[in-house]
Amino acid sequence: MTEPPETSPAVPTGLHDYVHRRLCGRENLVPELFRTVARPLVRRGAPCGTRFELCGLRDVRLTAVWDASHNVLYFFDARGERFCREPFVPAADDDDLRAAA
């Protein structure tokens, strides 16, 4: 039997939380009261990134897209206008810090 195709690229540790905090901060939303949903993006049958969507009050929808091939995040406000483009640099993990010492 063949393995099912991969549904999403490996999402870096901390990416989902970072995107959630960043989107909440854009509209001054309390992060604990809202959730961000992640969905894989596919190009020519292969996973290429992830789309994040946060649904806030009064149908406010904020989105972010992670381009896996370039490791870049694109953030969009409630009007659909891009407000930021930045590379994703994962925060150093406690285990990584101990290993480096």
PDB file of N, CA and C in Angstrom:
ATOM      1  N   MET A   1       0.840  -1.164   0.000  1.00  0.00           N
ATOM      2  CA  MET A   1       0.000   0.000   0.000  1.00  0.00           C
ATOM      3  C   MET A   1       0.901   1.248   0.000  1.00  0.00           C
ATOM      4  N   THR A   2       0.504   2.275  -0.746  1.00  0.00           N
ATOM      5  CA  THR A   2       1.298   3.498  -0.805  1.00  0.00           C
ATOM      6  C   THR A   2       0.913   4.434   0.330  1.00  0.00           C
ATOM      7  N   GLU A   3       1.865   5.230   0.722  1.00  0.00           N
ATOM      8  CA  GLU A   3       1.625   6.214   1.772  1.00  0.00           C
ATOM      9  C   GLU A   3       0.806   7.365   1.200  1.00  0.00           C
ATOM     10  N   PRO A   4      -0.103   7.950   2.003  1.00  0.00           N
ATOM     11  CA  PRO A   4      -0.843   9.116   1.509  1.00  0.00           C
ATOM     12  C   PRO A   4       0.115  10.287   1.312  1.00  0.00           C
ATOM     13  N   PRO A   5      -0.186  11.181   0.365  1.00  0.00           N
ATOM     14  CA  PRO A   5       0.706  12.317   0.144  1.00  0.00           C
ATOM     15  C   PRO A   5       0.752  13.207   1.379  1.00  0.00           C
ATOM     16  N   GLU A   6       1.895  13.824   1.582  1.00  0.00           N
ATOM     17  CA  GLU A   6       2.037  14.734   2.715  1.00  0.00           C
ATOM     18  C   GLU A   6       1.087  15.909   2.534  1.00  0.00           C
ATOM     19  N   THR A   7       0.410  16.293   3.611  1.00  0.00           N
ATOM     20  CA  THR A   7      -0.597  17.338   3.493  1.00  0.00           C
ATOM     21  C   THR A   7      -0.059  18.725   3.789  1.00  0.00           C
ATOM     22  N   SER A   8       1.077  18.821   4.437  1.00  0.00           N
ATOM     23  CA  SER A   8       1.652  20.138   4.690  1.00  0.00           C
ATOM     24  C   SER A   8       3.153  20.008   4.927  1.00  0.00           C
ATOM     25  N   PRO A   9       3.884  21.081   4.613  1.00  0.00           N
ATOM     26  CA  PRO A   9       5.310  21.031   4.901  1.00  0.00           C
ATOM     27  C   PRO A   9       5.525  21.084   6.403  1.00  0.00           C
ATOM     28  N   ALA A  10       6.703  20.730   6.830  1.00  0.00           N
ATOM     29  CA  ALA A  10       7.010  20.768   8.255  1.00  0.00           C
ATOM     30  C   ALA A  10       6.966  22.220   8.731  1.00  0.00           C
ATOM     31  N   VAL A  11       6.003  22.510   9.603  1.00  0.00           N
ATOM     32  CA  VAL A  11       5.850  23.863  10.131  1.00  0.00           C
ATOM     33  C   VAL A  11       6.853  24.043  11.263  1.00  0.00           C
ATOM     34  N   PRO A  12       7.672  25.088  11.200  1.00  0.00           N
ATOM     35  CA  PRO A  12       8.670  25.298  12.255  1.00  0.00           C
ATOM     36  C   PRO A  12       8.032  25.437  13.634  1.00  0.00           C
ATOM     37  N   THR A  13       8.744  24.980  14.642  1.00  0.00           N
ATOM     38  CA  THR A  13       8.279  25.088  16.015  1.00  0.00           C
ATOM     39  C   THR A  13       8.042  26.551  16.365  1.00  0.00           C
ATOM     40  N   GLY A  14       6.903  26.827  16.952  1.00  0.00           N
ATOM     41  CA  GLY A  14       6.586  28.177  17.405  1.00  0.00           C
ATOM     42  C   GLY A  14       5.939  29.066  16.363  1.00  0.00           C
ATOM     43  N   LEU A  15       5.860  28.606  15.114  1.00  0.00           N
ATOM     44  CA  LEU A  15       5.294  29.444  14.054  1.00  0.00           C
ATOM     45  C   LEU A  15       3.824  29.768  14.317  1.00  0.00           C
ATOM     46  N   HIS A  16       3.033  28.763  14.630  1.00  0.00           N
ATOM     47  CA  HIS A  16       1.601  28.983  14.847  1.00  0.00           C
ATOM     48  C   HIS A  16       1.371  29.986  15.985  1.00  0.00           C
ATOM     49  N   ASP A  17       2.075  29.809  17.097  1.00  0.00           N
ATOM     50  CA  ASP A  17       1.915  30.720  18.234  1.00  0.00           C
ATOM     51  C   ASP A  17       2.357  32.140  17.878  1.00  0.00           C
ATOM     52  N   TYR A  18       3.460  32.260  17.160  1.00  0.00           N
ATOM     53  CA  TYR A  18       3.948  33.578  16.762  1.00  0.00           C
ATOM     54  C   TYR A  18       2.920  34.293  15.887  1.00  0.00           C
ATOM     55  N   VAL A  19       2.386  33.590  14.894  1.00  0.00           N
ATOM     56  CA  VAL A  19       1.395  34.182  13.993  1.00  0.00           C
ATOM     57  C   VAL A  19       0.153  34.591  14.783  1.00  0.00           C
ATOM     58  N   HIS A  20      -0.292  33.732  15.689  1.00  0.00           N
ATOM     59  CA  HIS A  20      -1.478  34.040  16.493  1.00  0.00           C
ATOM     60  C   HIS A  20      -1.280  35.327  17.303  1.00  0.00           C
ATOM     61  N   ARG A  21      -0.151  35.438  17.993  1.00  0.00           N
ATOM     62  CA  ARG A  21       0.121  36.638  18.800  1.00  0.00           C
ATOM     63  C   ARG A  21       0.220  37.886  17.922  1.00  0.00           C
ATOM     64  N   ARG A  22       0.857  37.734  16.768  1.00  0.00           N
ATOM     65  CA  ARG A  22       1.038  38.882  15.864  1.00  0.00           C
ATOM     66  C   ARG A  22      -0.302  39.366  15.305  1.00  0.00           C
ATOM     67  N   LEU A  23      -1.168  38.438  14.899  1.00  0.00           N
ATOM     68  CA  LEU A  23      -2.476  38.814  14.370  1.00  0.00           C
ATOM     69  C   LEU A  23      -3.349  39.438  15.453  1.00  0.00           C
ATOM     70  N   CYS A  24      -3.337  38.866  16.652  1.00  0.00           N
ATOM     71  CA  CYS A  24      -4.117  39.433  17.763  1.00  0.00           C
ATOM     72  C   CYS A  24      -3.638  40.845  18.082  1.00  0.00           C
ATOM     73  N   GLY A  25      -2.342  41.051  18.070  1.00  0.00           N
ATOM     74  CA  GLY A  25      -1.792  42.364  18.365  1.00  0.00           C
ATOM     75  C   GLY A  25      -2.197  43.418  17.347  1.00  0.00           C
ATOM     76  N   ARG A  26      -2.395  43.008  16.111  1.00  0.00           N
ATOM     77  CA  ARG A  26      -2.774  43.960  15.051  1.00  0.00           C
ATOM     78  C   ARG A  26      -4.112  44.631  15.344  1.00  0.00           C
ATOM     79  N   GLU A  27      -5.072  43.875  15.873  1.00  0.00           N
ATOM     80  CA  GLU A  27      -6.410  44.407  16.145  1.00  0.00           C
ATOM     81  C   GLU A  27      -6.695  44.526  17.637  1.00  0.00           C
ATOM     82  N   ASN A  28      -5.652  44.464  18.455  1.00  0.00           N
ATOM     83  CA  ASN A  28      -5.801  44.565  19.919  1.00  0.00           C
ATOM     84  C   ASN A  28      -6.771  43.537  20.476  1.00  0.00           C
ATOM     85  N   LEU A  29      -6.654  42.307  20.018  1.00  0.00           N
ATOM     86  CA  LEU A  29      -7.489  41.210  20.501  1.00  0.00           C
ATOM     87  C   LEU A  29      -6.755  40.462  21.605  1.00  0.00           C
ATOM     88  N   VAL A  30      -7.507  39.951  22.566  1.00  0.00           N
ATOM     89  CA  VAL A  30      -6.921  39.167  23.656  1.00  0.00           C
ATOM     90  C   VAL A  30      -6.654  37.763  23.114  1.00  0.00           C
ATOM     91  N   PRO A  31      -5.383  37.341  23.045  1.00  0.00           N
ATOM     92  CA  PRO A  31      -5.050  36.055  22.425  1.00  0.00           C
ATOM     93  C   PRO A  31      -5.767  34.857  23.038  1.00  0.00           C
ATOM     94  N   GLU A  32      -6.045  34.884  24.326  1.00  0.00           N
ATOM     95  CA  GLU A  32      -6.686  33.743  24.988  1.00  0.00           C
ATOM     96  C   GLU A  32      -8.157  33.585  24.591  1.00  0.00           C
ATOM     97  N   LEU A  33      -8.752  34.606  23.992  1.00  0.00           N
ATOM     98  CA  LEU A  33     -10.180  34.551  23.651  1.00  0.00           C
ATOM     99  C   LEU A  33     -10.447  34.135  22.211  1.00  0.00           C
ATOM    100  N   PHE A  34      -9.413  34.074  21.388  1.00  0.00           N
ATOM    101  CA  PHE A  34      -9.595  33.755  19.976  1.00  0.00           C
ATOM    102  C   PHE A  34      -8.614  32.661  19.576  1.00  0.00           C
ATOM    103  N   ARG A  35      -8.912  32.015  18.450  1.00  0.00           N
ATOM    104  CA  ARG A  35      -8.003  30.975  17.977  1.00  0.00           C
ATOM    105  C   ARG A  35      -7.675  31.221  16.516  1.00  0.00           C
ATOM    106  N   THR A  36      -6.535  30.724  16.140  1.00  0.00           N
ATOM    107  CA  THR A  36      -6.071  30.829  14.762  1.00  0.00           C
ATOM    108  C   THR A  36      -6.044  29.428  14.167  1.00  0.00           C
ATOM    109  N   VAL A  37      -6.646  29.289  13.006  1.00  0.00           N
ATOM    110  CA  VAL A  37      -6.723  27.997  12.318  1.00  0.00           C
ATOM    111  C   VAL A  37      -5.668  27.978  11.212  1.00  0.00           C
ATOM    112  N   ALA A  38      -4.964  26.869  11.087  1.00  0.00           N
ATOM    113  CA  ALA A  38      -3.934  26.708  10.058  1.00  0.00           C
ATOM    114  C   ALA A  38      -4.391  25.683   9.024  1.00  0.00           C
ATOM    115  N   ARG A  39      -4.193  26.030   7.754  1.00  0.00           N
ATOM    116  CA  ARG A  39      -4.525  25.119   6.663  1.00  0.00           C
ATOM    117  C   ARG A  39      -3.352  25.056   5.694  1.00  0.00           C
ATOM    118  N   PRO A  40      -3.028  23.867   5.218  1.00  0.00           N
ATOM    119  CA  PRO A  40      -1.901  23.734   4.288  1.00  0.00           C
ATOM    120  C   PRO A  40      -2.211  24.352   2.924  1.00  0.00           C
ATOM    121  N   LEU A  41      -1.197  24.871   2.282  1.00  0.00           N
ATOM    122  CA  LEU A  41      -1.300  25.377   0.912  1.00  0.00           C
ATOM    123  C   LEU A  41      -0.558  24.404   0.000  1.00  0.00           C
ATOM    124  N   VAL A  42      -1.140  24.153  -1.166  1.00  0.00           N
ATOM    125  CA  VAL A  42      -0.575  23.171  -2.093  1.00  0.00           C
ATOM    126  C   VAL A  42      -0.373  23.832  -3.454  1.00  0.00           C
ATOM    127  N   ARG A  43       0.798  23.578  -4.046  1.00  0.00           N
ATOM    128  CA  ARG A  43       1.100  24.073  -5.391  1.00  0.00           C
ATOM    129  C   ARG A  43       1.520  22.883  -6.231  1.00  0.00           C
ATOM    130  N   ARG A  44       0.814  22.649  -7.324  1.00  0.00           N
ATOM    131  CA  ARG A  44       1.099  21.526  -8.231  1.00  0.00           C
ATOM    132  C   ARG A  44       1.145  20.193  -7.508  1.00  0.00           C
ATOM    133  N   GLY A  45       0.244  20.027  -6.539  1.00  0.00           N
ATOM    134  CA  GLY A  45       0.140  18.775  -5.815  1.00  0.00           C
ATOM    135  C   GLY A  45       1.106  18.609  -4.659  1.00  0.00           C
ATOM    136  N   ALA A  46       2.005  19.570  -4.453  1.00  0.00           N
ATOM    137  CA  ALA A  46       2.988  19.471  -3.369  1.00  0.00           C
ATOM    138  C   ALA A  46       2.740  20.578  -2.345  1.00  0.00           C
ATOM    139  N   PRO A  47       2.898  20.265  -1.065  1.00  0.00           N
ATOM    140  CA  PRO A  47       2.713  21.301  -0.041  1.00  0.00           C
ATOM    141  C   PRO A  47       3.771  22.392  -0.184  1.00  0.00           C
ATOM    142  N   CYS A  48       3.326  23.653  -0.029  1.00  0.00           N
ATOM    143  CA  CYS A  48       4.268  24.758  -0.215  1.00  0.00           C
ATOM    144  C   CYS A  48       4.199  25.806   0.891  1.00  0.00           C
ATOM    145  N   GLY A  49       3.271  25.651   1.820  1.00  0.00           N
ATOM    146  CA  GLY A  49       3.156  26.639   2.883  1.00  0.00           C
ATOM    147  C   GLY A  49       1.923  26.395   3.727  1.00  0.00           C
ATOM    148  N   THR A  50       1.594  27.387   4.530  1.00  0.00           N
ATOM    149  CA  THR A  50       0.446  27.294   5.424  1.00  0.00           C
ATOM    150  C   THR A  50      -0.273  28.628   5.454  1.00  0.00           C
ATOM    151  N   ARG A  51      -1.601  28.572   5.460  1.00  0.00           N
ATOM    152  CA  ARG A  51      -2.439  29.771   5.589  1.00  0.00           C
ATOM    153  C   ARG A  51      -3.030  29.767   6.981  1.00  0.00           C
ATOM    154  N   PHE A  52      -2.885  30.870   7.692  1.00  0.00           N
ATOM    155  CA  PHE A  52      -3.432  31.026   9.037  1.00  0.00           C
ATOM    156  C   PHE A  52      -4.577  32.024   8.986  1.00  0.00           C
ATOM    157  N   GLU A  53      -5.645  31.727   9.722  1.00  0.00           N
ATOM    158  CA  GLU A  53      -6.783  32.644   9.761  1.00  0.00           C
ATOM    159  C   GLU A  53      -7.278  32.792  11.186  1.00  0.00           C
ATOM    160  N   LEU A  54      -7.443  34.037  11.608  1.00  0.00           N
ATOM    161  CA  LEU A  54      -7.983  34.347  12.921  1.00  0.00           C
ATOM    162  C   LEU A  54      -9.311  35.052  12.716  1.00  0.00           C
ATOM    163  N   CYS A  55     -10.372  34.517  13.331  1.00  0.00           N
ATOM    164  CA  CYS A  55     -11.688  35.139  13.262  1.00  0.00           C
ATOM    165  C   CYS A  55     -11.942  35.872  14.571  1.00  0.00           C
ATOM    166  N   GLY A  56     -12.063  37.174  14.485  1.00  0.00           N
ATOM    167  CA  GLY A  56     -12.267  38.000  15.670  1.00  0.00           C
ATOM    168  C   GLY A  56     -13.709  38.439  15.814  1.00  0.00           C
ATOM    169  N   LEU A  57     -13.893  39.497  16.569  1.00  0.00           N
ATOM    170  CA  LEU A  57     -15.223  40.056  16.799  1.00  0.00           C
ATOM    171  C   LEU A  57     -15.793  40.659  15.531  1.00  0.00           C
ATOM    172  N   ARG A  58     -17.116  40.619  15.410  1.00  0.00           N
ATOM    173  CA  ARG A  58     -17.831  41.247  14.291  1.00  0.00           C
ATOM    174  C   ARG A  58     -17.266  40.836  12.933  1.00  0.00           C
ATOM    175  N   ASP A  59     -17.019  39.554  12.768  1.00  0.00           N
ATOM    176  CA  ASP A  59     -16.526  39.003  11.500  1.00  0.00           C
ATOM    177  C   ASP A  59     -15.193  39.578  11.036  1.00  0.00           C
ATOM    178  N   VAL A  60     -14.382  40.047  11.969  1.00  0.00           N
ATOM    179  CA  VAL A  60     -13.032  40.485  11.621  1.00  0.00           C
ATOM    180  C   VAL A  60     -12.219  39.240  11.310  1.00  0.00           C
ATOM    181  N   ARG A  61     -11.625  39.198  10.130  1.00  0.00           N
ATOM    182  CA  ARG A  61     -10.788  38.067   9.725  1.00  0.00           C
ATOM    183  C   ARG A  61      -9.406  38.587   9.365  1.00  0.00           C
ATOM    184  N   LEU A  62      -8.433  38.068  10.083  1.00  0.00           N
ATOM    185  CA  LEU A  62      -7.038  38.416   9.831  1.00  0.00           C
ATOM    186  C   LEU A  62      -6.352  37.165   9.315  1.00  0.00           C
ATOM    187  N   THR A  63      -5.448  37.328   8.376  1.00  0.00           N
ATOM    188  CA  THR A  63      -4.787  36.157   7.814  1.00  0.00           C
ATOM    189  C   THR A  63      -3.278  36.366   7.737  1.00  0.00           C
ATOM    190  N   ALA A  64      -2.594  35.252   7.664  1.00  0.00           N
ATOM    191  CA  ALA A  64      -1.148  35.241   7.439  1.00  0.00           C
ATOM    192  C   ALA A  64      -0.851  34.034   6.563  1.00  0.00           C
ATOM    193  N   VAL A  65       0.165  34.164   5.740  1.00  0.00           N
ATOM    194  CA  VAL A  65       0.591  33.074   4.863  1.00  0.00           C
ATOM    195  C   VAL A  65       2.076  32.856   5.086  1.00  0.00           C
ATOM    196  N   TRP A  66       2.436  31.594   5.313  1.00  0.00           N
ATOM    197  CA  TRP A  66       3.843  31.222   5.445  1.00  0.00           C
ATOM    198  C   TRP A  66       4.275  30.530   4.161  1.00  0.00           C
ATOM    199  N   ASP A  67       5.234  31.122   3.466  1.00  0.00           N
ATOM    200  CA  ASP A  67       5.810  30.551   2.258  1.00  0.00           C
ATOM    201  C   ASP A  67       6.969  29.657   2.697  1.00  0.00           C
ATOM    202  N   ALA A  68       6.757  28.345   2.649  1.00  0.00           N
ATOM    203  CA  ALA A  68       7.747  27.391   3.153  1.00  0.00           C
ATOM    204  C   ALA A  68       9.044  27.412   2.354  1.00  0.00           C
ATOM    205  N   SER A  69       8.966  27.647   1.053  1.00  0.00           N
ATOM    206  CA  SER A  69      10.182  27.600   0.240  1.00  0.00           C
ATOM    207  C   SER A  69      11.147  28.746   0.556  1.00  0.00           C
ATOM    208  N   HIS A  70      10.616  29.883   1.003  1.00  0.00           N
ATOM    209  CA  HIS A  70      11.459  31.035   1.337  1.00  0.00           C
ATOM    210  C   HIS A  70      11.442  31.355   2.833  1.00  0.00           C
ATOM    211  N   ASN A  71      10.659  30.606   3.602  1.00  0.00           N
ATOM    212  CA  ASN A  71      10.512  30.815   5.044  1.00  0.00           C
ATOM    213  C   ASN A  71      10.148  32.271   5.365  1.00  0.00           C
ATOM    214  N   VAL A  72       9.139  32.779   4.641  1.00  0.00           N
ATOM    215  CA  VAL A  72       8.696  34.169   4.791  1.00  0.00           C
ATOM    216  C   VAL A  72       7.225  34.180   5.188  1.00  0.00           C
ATOM    217  N   LEU A  73       6.881  35.105   6.092  1.00  0.00           N
ATOM    218  CA  LEU A  73       5.497  35.302   6.521  1.00  0.00           C
ATOM    219  C   LEU A  73       4.940  36.567   5.883  1.00  0.00           C
ATOM    220  N   TYR A  74       3.697  36.479   5.421  1.00  0.00           N
ATOM    221  CA  TYR A  74       2.971  37.629   4.903  1.00  0.00           C
ATOM    222  C   TYR A  74       1.739  37.806   5.784  1.00  0.00           C
ATOM    223  N   PHE A  75       1.535  38.993   6.327  1.00  0.00           N
ATOM    224  CA  PHE A  75       0.404  39.266   7.204  1.00  0.00           C
ATOM    225  C   PHE A  75      -0.575  40.204   6.505  1.00  0.00           C
ATOM    226  N   PHE A  76      -1.882  39.895   6.650  1.00  0.00           N
ATOM    227  CA  PHE A  76      -2.933  40.683   6.017  1.00  0.00           C
ATOM    228  C   PHE A  76      -3.941  41.129   7.068  1.00  0.00           C
ATOM    229  N   ASP A  77      -4.382  42.390   6.973  1.00  0.00           N
ATOM    230  CA  ASP A  77      -5.327  42.915   7.951  1.00  0.00           C
ATOM    231  C   ASP A  77      -6.764  42.571   7.566  1.00  0.00           C
ATOM    232  N   ALA A  78      -7.724  43.127   8.291  1.00  0.00           N
ATOM    233  CA  ALA A  78      -9.138  42.807   8.081  1.00  0.00           C
ATOM    234  C   ALA A  78      -9.641  43.263   6.710  1.00  0.00           C
ATOM    235  N   ARG A  79      -8.982  44.231   6.098  1.00  0.00           N
ATOM    236  CA  ARG A  79      -9.379  44.694   4.761  1.00  0.00           C
ATOM    237  C   ARG A  79      -8.722  43.886   3.661  1.00  0.00           C
ATOM    238  N   GLY A  80      -7.847  42.953   4.039  1.00  0.00           N
ATOM    239  CA  GLY A  80      -7.149  42.139   3.052  1.00  0.00           C
ATOM    240  C   GLY A  80      -5.875  42.771   2.539  1.00  0.00           C
ATOM    241  N   GLU A  81      -5.464  43.878   3.145  1.00  0.00           N
ATOM    242  CA  GLU A  81      -4.250  44.560   2.726  1.00  0.00           C
ATOM    243  C   GLU A  81      -3.059  44.023   3.510  1.00  0.00           C
ATOM    244  N   ARG A  82      -1.976  43.794   2.801  1.00  0.00           N
ATOM    245  CA  ARG A  82      -0.778  43.277   3.466  1.00  0.00           C
ATOM    246  C   ARG A  82      -0.165  44.380   4.325  1.00  0.00           C
ATOM    247  N   PHE A  83       0.078  44.048   5.600  1.00  0.00           N
ATOM    248  CA  PHE A  83       0.678  45.036   6.481  1.00  0.00           C
ATOM    249  C   PHE A  83       2.097  44.678   6.892  1.00  0.00           C
ATOM    250  N   CYS A  84       2.538  43.470   6.556  1.00  0.00           N
ATOM    251  CA  CYS A  84       3.897  43.102   6.935  1.00  0.00           C
ATOM    252  C   CYS A  84       4.375  41.901   6.127  1.00  0.00           C
ATOM    253  N   ARG A  85       5.665  41.922   5.813  1.00  0.00           N
ATOM    254  CA  ARG A  85       6.342  40.780   5.207  1.00  0.00           C
ATOM    255  C   ARG A  85       7.639  40.618   5.977  1.00  0.00           C
ATOM    256  N   GLU A  86       7.865  39.429   6.519  1.00  0.00           N
ATOM    257  CA  GLU A  86       9.077  39.215   7.310  1.00  0.00           C
ATOM    258  C   GLU A  86       9.506  37.760   7.270  1.00  0.00           C
ATOM    259  N   PRO A  87      10.810  37.520   7.387  1.00  0.00           N
ATOM    260  CA  PRO A  87      11.276  36.128   7.484  1.00  0.00           C
ATOM    261  C   PRO A  87      10.918  35.583   8.860  1.00  0.00           C
ATOM    262  N   PHE A  88      10.665  34.291   8.933  1.00  0.00           N
ATOM    263  CA  PHE A  88      10.387  33.684  10.232  1.00  0.00           C
ATOM    264  C   PHE A  88      11.675  33.142  10.811  1.00  0.00           C
ATOM    265  N   VAL A  89      12.038  33.659  11.962  1.00  0.00           N
ATOM    266  CA  VAL A  89      13.231  33.202  12.668  1.00  0.00           C
ATOM    267  C   VAL A  89      12.758  32.595  13.975  1.00  0.00           C
ATOM    268  N   PRO A  90      12.810  31.268  14.113  1.00  0.00           N
ATOM    269  CA  PRO A  90      12.320  30.637  15.332  1.00  0.00           C
ATOM    270  C   PRO A  90      13.120  31.086  16.548  1.00  0.00           C
ATOM    271  N   ALA A  91      12.419  31.254  17.664  1.00  0.00           N
ATOM    272  CA  ALA A  91      13.077  31.617  18.920  1.00  0.00           C
ATOM    273  C   ALA A  91      13.917  30.444  19.388  1.00  0.00           C
ATOM    274  N   ALA A  92      14.994  30.746  20.057  1.00  0.00           N
ATOM    275  CA  ALA A  92      15.862  29.692  20.588  1.00  0.00           C
ATOM    276  C   ALA A  92      15.114  28.913  21.655  1.00  0.00           C
ATOM    277  N   ASP A  93      15.154  27.619  21.546  1.00  0.00           N
ATOM    278  CA  ASP A  93      14.492  26.731  22.502  1.00  0.00           C
ATOM    279  C   ASP A  93      15.368  26.617  23.763  1.00  0.00           C
ATOM    280  N   ASP A  94      14.759  26.354  24.912  1.00  0.00           N
ATOM    281  CA  ASP A  94      15.518  26.185  26.146  1.00  0.00           C
ATOM    282  C   ASP A  94      16.554  25.074  25.992  1.00  0.00           C
ATOM    283  N   ASP A  95      16.184  23.989  25.315  1.00  0.00           N
ATOM    284  CA  ASP A  95      17.130  22.885  25.118  1.00  0.00           C
ATOM    285  C   ASP A  95      18.306  23.328  24.254  1.00  0.00           C
ATOM    286  N   ASP A  96      18.043  24.147  23.235  1.00  0.00           N
ATOM    287  CA  ASP A  96      19.104  24.650  22.372  1.00  0.00           C
ATOM    288  C   ASP A  96      20.058  25.541  23.162  1.00  0.00           C
ATOM    289  N   LEU A  97      19.503  26.362  24.055  1.00  0.00           N
ATOM    290  CA  LEU A  97      20.343  27.247  24.856  1.00  0.00           C
ATOM    291  C   LEU A  97      21.232  26.444  25.811  1.00  0.00           C
ATOM    292  N   ARG A  98      20.669  25.387  26.409  1.00  0.00           N
ATOM    293  CA  ARG A  98      21.471  24.550  27.319  1.00  0.00           C
ATOM    294  C   ARG A  98      22.563  23.821  26.546  1.00  0.00           C
ATOM    295  N   ALA A  99      22.255  23.359  25.332  1.00  0.00           N
ATOM    296  CA  ALA A  99      23.233  22.617  24.531  1.00  0.00           C
ATOM    297  C   ALA A  99      24.380  23.523  24.096  1.00  0.00           C
ATOM    298  N   ALA A 100      24.083  24.796  23.846  1.00  0.00           N
ATOM    299  CA  ALA A 100      25.107  25.732  23.403  1.00  0.00           C
ATOM    300  C   ALA A 100      26.042  26.136  24.541  1.00  0.00           C
ATOM    301  N   ALA A 101      25.558  26.011  25.781  1.00  0.00           N
ATOM    302  CA  ALA A 101      26.378  26.444  26.932  1.00  0.00           C
ATOM    303  C   ALA A 101      27.467  25.457  27.270  1.00  0.00           C
TER     304      ALA A 101
END
